[in-house]
Amino acid sequence: MKKWASAGLLAVIITGCVPCLNPLFTDKDVIFNPALVGIWGSNDEKEKWSFTKSGENAYKLTQTDSDGRTAEFDVRLVRLGDYKFLDMLVTNVDEKEFKLNGWAAFSAIPAHLILQVHEIDPKLKISVMDPDWVKDWLLKNPKSLDHRKIGEDRYAITASTKDLQKFVLQHASEEGLFGGAHELERRRE
């Protein structure tokens, strides 16, 4: 329980992403691309994204950030219309780097993180949901998508999978919902 709770809070606080309580996908939306399997990295030698196949159409991701902290995710590659996304659900975090007391651990839950995939081969180009764009959108359009405010200026999306898909497709081609692309290159290790 503690690892799950820590993971959920880590996703909300540290990543700067927008946590979603429901997945972006249904079974019919999930695809598998073997080109994603492998180790990817950026110019920062510590940052590493290691994808392995997990079951029929899923991936396990072990992600190491630029500070050397690791987290594990259950990942689905999702196709909605002309767009591809990664739906990442945190499953484990580096407990040495992130500790919660017992009460805080019971109040945190894992959340889905949605990344837009622009390219998989030869480079992996992904963009995360921009929390500032989401905040501004929800302040102007509070009934457009079910959500909860977290603290002063963070939001968690509580919409159903169907409503989340509709929202993401409505804004996927616009500049804003998904921030600038993060580019990763395949590594040999």
Protein backbone atom coordinates (compact mmCIF):
# COMPACT_ATOMS: atom_id res chain seq x y z
CA MET A 1 0.00 0.00 0.00
CA LYS A 2 2.78 2.42 0.88
CA LYS A 3 4.51 2.04 -2.50
CA TRP A 4 1.24 2.69 -4.36
CA ALA A 5 0.44 5.71 -2.24
CA SER A 6 3.91 7.16 -2.62
CA ALA A 7 3.74 6.60 -6.34
CA GLY A 8 0.44 8.43 -6.71
CA LEU A 9 1.60 11.42 -4.75
CA LEU A 10 4.89 11.44 -6.63
CA ALA A 11 2.98 11.68 -9.90
CA VAL A 12 0.93 14.59 -8.61
CA ILE A 13 3.72 16.59 -6.97
CA ILE A 14 6.99 15.90 -8.73
CA THR A 15 6.36 15.27 -12.40
CA GLY A 16 4.58 18.49 -13.28
CA CYS A 17 2.13 16.44 -15.31
CA VAL A 18 -1.63 16.41 -15.02
CA PRO A 19 -2.85 13.33 -13.11
CA CYS A 20 -5.95 11.57 -14.46
CA LEU A 21 -7.92 9.18 -12.27
CA ASN A 22 -9.18 7.17 -15.26
CA PRO A 23 -7.21 5.74 -18.17
CA LEU A 24 -7.21 7.31 -21.63
CA PHE A 25 -7.86 3.93 -23.24
CA THR A 26 -10.28 1.09 -23.62
CA ASP A 27 -9.04 -2.29 -24.87
CA LYS A 28 -9.87 -1.39 -28.48
CA ASP A 29 -7.64 1.71 -28.34
CA VAL A 30 -4.47 -0.10 -27.24
CA ILE A 31 -1.81 -0.92 -29.82
CA PHE A 32 1.64 -2.43 -29.52
CA ASN A 33 4.70 -1.18 -31.37
CA PRO A 34 7.86 -3.24 -30.79
CA ALA A 35 9.99 -0.21 -31.78
CA LEU A 36 9.18 1.32 -28.38
CA VAL A 37 10.90 -1.55 -26.53
CA GLY A 38 14.41 -0.66 -25.48
CA ILE A 39 16.33 2.00 -23.64
CA TRP A 40 15.91 5.66 -24.52
CA GLY A 41 17.77 8.67 -23.17
CA SER A 42 18.31 12.39 -23.58
CA ASN A 43 21.43 14.53 -23.49
CA ASP A 44 21.36 14.07 -19.72
CA GLU A 45 23.27 10.85 -19.09
CA LYS A 46 21.26 10.06 -15.94
CA GLU A 47 17.85 10.27 -17.65
CA LYS A 48 16.76 6.89 -18.96
CA TRP A 49 13.46 5.44 -20.18
CA SER A 50 13.61 1.63 -20.32
CA PHE A 51 10.57 -0.02 -21.97
CA THR A 52 10.05 -3.79 -21.86
CA LYS A 53 7.10 -5.78 -23.16
CA SER A 54 4.63 -6.71 -20.43
CA GLY A 55 1.86 -9.03 -21.50
CA GLU A 56 0.05 -8.91 -24.85
CA ASN A 57 -0.23 -5.16 -25.49
CA ALA A 58 1.48 -3.46 -22.58
CA TYR A 59 4.85 -2.17 -21.55
CA LYS A 60 6.70 -1.85 -18.28
CA LEU A 61 8.63 1.39 -18.06
CA THR A 62 11.46 2.00 -15.65
CA GLN A 63 12.13 5.72 -15.82
CA THR A 64 15.16 7.38 -14.26
CA ASP A 65 15.11 11.16 -14.00
CA SER A 66 18.00 13.60 -14.23
CA ASP A 67 18.53 13.33 -10.45
CA GLY A 68 18.92 9.54 -10.68
CA ARG A 69 15.53 8.78 -9.04
CA THR A 70 13.60 5.87 -10.52
CA ALA A 71 9.94 5.00 -10.88
CA GLU A 72 8.15 2.12 -12.60
CA PHE A 73 5.04 2.46 -14.73
CA ASP A 74 2.49 0.22 -16.39
CA VAL A 75 2.21 1.74 -19.88
CA ARG A 76 -0.17 1.43 -22.81
CA LEU A 77 0.40 2.85 -26.28
CA VAL A 78 -2.96 4.28 -27.31
CA ARG A 79 -4.25 5.25 -30.74
CA LEU A 80 -7.12 7.72 -30.87
CA GLY A 81 -7.93 8.88 -34.38
CA ASP A 82 -4.71 10.10 -35.99
CA TYR A 83 -2.92 10.51 -32.67
CA LYS A 84 -0.86 8.27 -30.42
CA PHE A 85 -0.43 8.60 -26.68
CA LEU A 86 1.28 6.88 -23.79
CA ASP A 87 -0.95 6.21 -20.78
CA MET A 88 1.39 5.71 -17.82
CA LEU A 89 0.20 4.41 -14.45
CA VAL A 90 2.85 4.55 -11.77
CA THR A 91 3.38 1.23 -9.97
CA ASN A 92 6.52 1.79 -7.88
CA VAL A 93 8.85 4.62 -6.87
CA ASP A 94 12.34 4.87 -5.43
CA GLU A 95 11.46 4.77 -1.72
CA LYS A 96 14.92 6.07 -0.72
CA GLU A 97 14.18 9.40 -2.38
CA PHE A 98 10.52 9.81 -1.53
CA LYS A 99 9.02 9.11 1.87
CA LEU A 100 5.57 9.77 3.29
CA ASN A 101 4.29 9.30 6.78
CA GLY A 102 1.57 6.67 7.22
CA TRP A 103 -1.38 9.08 7.13
CA ALA A 104 -0.16 10.84 4.00
CA ALA A 105 0.45 7.48 2.31
CA PHE A 106 -3.16 6.41 2.88
CA SER A 107 -4.48 9.58 1.24
CA ALA A 108 -2.54 9.27 -2.02
CA ILE A 109 -3.65 7.19 -5.01
CA PRO A 110 -1.91 6.26 -8.29
CA ALA A 111 -2.87 8.36 -11.29
CA HIS A 112 -2.59 8.02 -15.06
CA LEU A 113 -0.22 10.37 -16.84
CA ILE A 114 -0.96 11.07 -20.51
CA LEU A 115 1.83 11.85 -22.97
CA GLN A 116 1.36 12.55 -26.66
CA VAL A 117 3.64 10.50 -28.91
CA HIS A 118 4.88 12.39 -31.97
CA GLU A 119 7.42 9.83 -33.17
CA ILE A 120 8.79 6.45 -32.07
CA ASP A 121 11.47 5.64 -34.59
CA PRO A 122 14.28 6.64 -35.04
CA LYS A 123 13.76 8.96 -32.04
CA LEU A 124 11.12 8.92 -29.34
CA LYS A 125 9.39 12.31 -29.26
CA ILE A 126 6.82 12.79 -26.51
CA SER A 127 4.97 15.70 -24.91
CA VAL A 128 3.35 15.82 -21.48
CA MET A 129 0.08 17.50 -20.63
CA ASP A 130 0.86 21.07 -19.63
CA PRO A 131 -0.55 21.70 -16.13
CA ASP A 132 -0.65 25.48 -16.69
CA TRP A 133 -2.65 25.10 -19.90
CA VAL A 134 -5.05 22.69 -18.18
CA LYS A 135 -5.43 25.06 -15.22
CA ASP A 136 -6.18 28.02 -17.49
CA TRP A 137 -8.64 25.96 -19.56
CA LEU A 138 -10.49 24.70 -16.51
CA LEU A 139 -10.67 28.17 -14.96
CA LYS A 140 -12.30 29.48 -18.16
CA ASN A 141 -14.36 26.33 -18.85
CA PRO A 142 -15.02 24.71 -15.45
CA LYS A 143 -17.84 22.46 -16.71
CA SER A 144 -15.96 21.20 -19.78
CA LEU A 145 -14.23 18.33 -17.98
CA ASP A 146 -14.73 16.71 -14.57
CA HIS A 147 -11.82 17.62 -12.30
CA ARG A 148 -10.72 18.38 -8.76
CA LYS A 149 -8.52 21.23 -7.62
CA ILE A 150 -5.45 20.15 -5.66
CA GLY A 151 -3.91 22.83 -3.50
CA GLU A 152 -3.54 26.33 -4.88
CA ASP A 153 -3.07 25.76 -8.60
CA ARG A 154 -3.00 22.06 -9.51
CA TYR A 155 -5.80 19.99 -10.96
CA ALA A 156 -6.53 16.28 -11.24
CA ILE A 157 -8.81 15.14 -14.03
CA THR A 158 -11.61 12.91 -12.75
CA ALA A 159 -13.48 12.58 -16.06
CA SER A 160 -14.53 9.20 -17.44
CA THR A 161 -12.36 7.54 -20.07
CA LYS A 162 -14.89 8.52 -22.76
CA ASP A 163 -14.92 12.19 -21.72
CA LEU A 164 -11.13 12.26 -21.34
CA GLN A 165 -10.72 10.84 -24.85
CA LYS A 166 -13.10 13.46 -26.26
CA PHE A 167 -11.23 16.30 -24.51
CA VAL A 168 -7.78 15.07 -25.58
CA LEU A 169 -8.86 14.60 -29.21
CA GLN A 170 -10.51 18.03 -29.23
CA HIS A 171 -7.23 19.69 -28.19
CA ALA A 172 -4.46 17.33 -29.43
CA SER A 173 -3.71 19.36 -32.53
CA GLU A 174 -3.76 22.72 -30.74
CA GLU A 175 -0.66 24.30 -29.35
CA GLY A 176 -0.99 24.16 -25.60
CA LEU A 177 -2.53 21.02 -24.10
CA PHE A 178 0.66 19.10 -24.73
CA GLY A 179 3.85 21.06 -24.12
CA GLY A 180 6.97 21.05 -26.27
CA ALA A 181 8.27 17.70 -27.42
CA HIS A 182 10.86 15.92 -25.29
CA GLU A 183 13.23 14.06 -27.57
CA LEU A 184 14.88 10.77 -26.58
CA GLU A 185 17.38 8.71 -28.54
CA ARG A 186 17.85 4.97 -28.44
CA ARG A 187 20.72 3.86 -26.21
CA ARG A 188 22.73 0.70 -26.22
CA GLU A 189 23.29 -0.69 -22.73
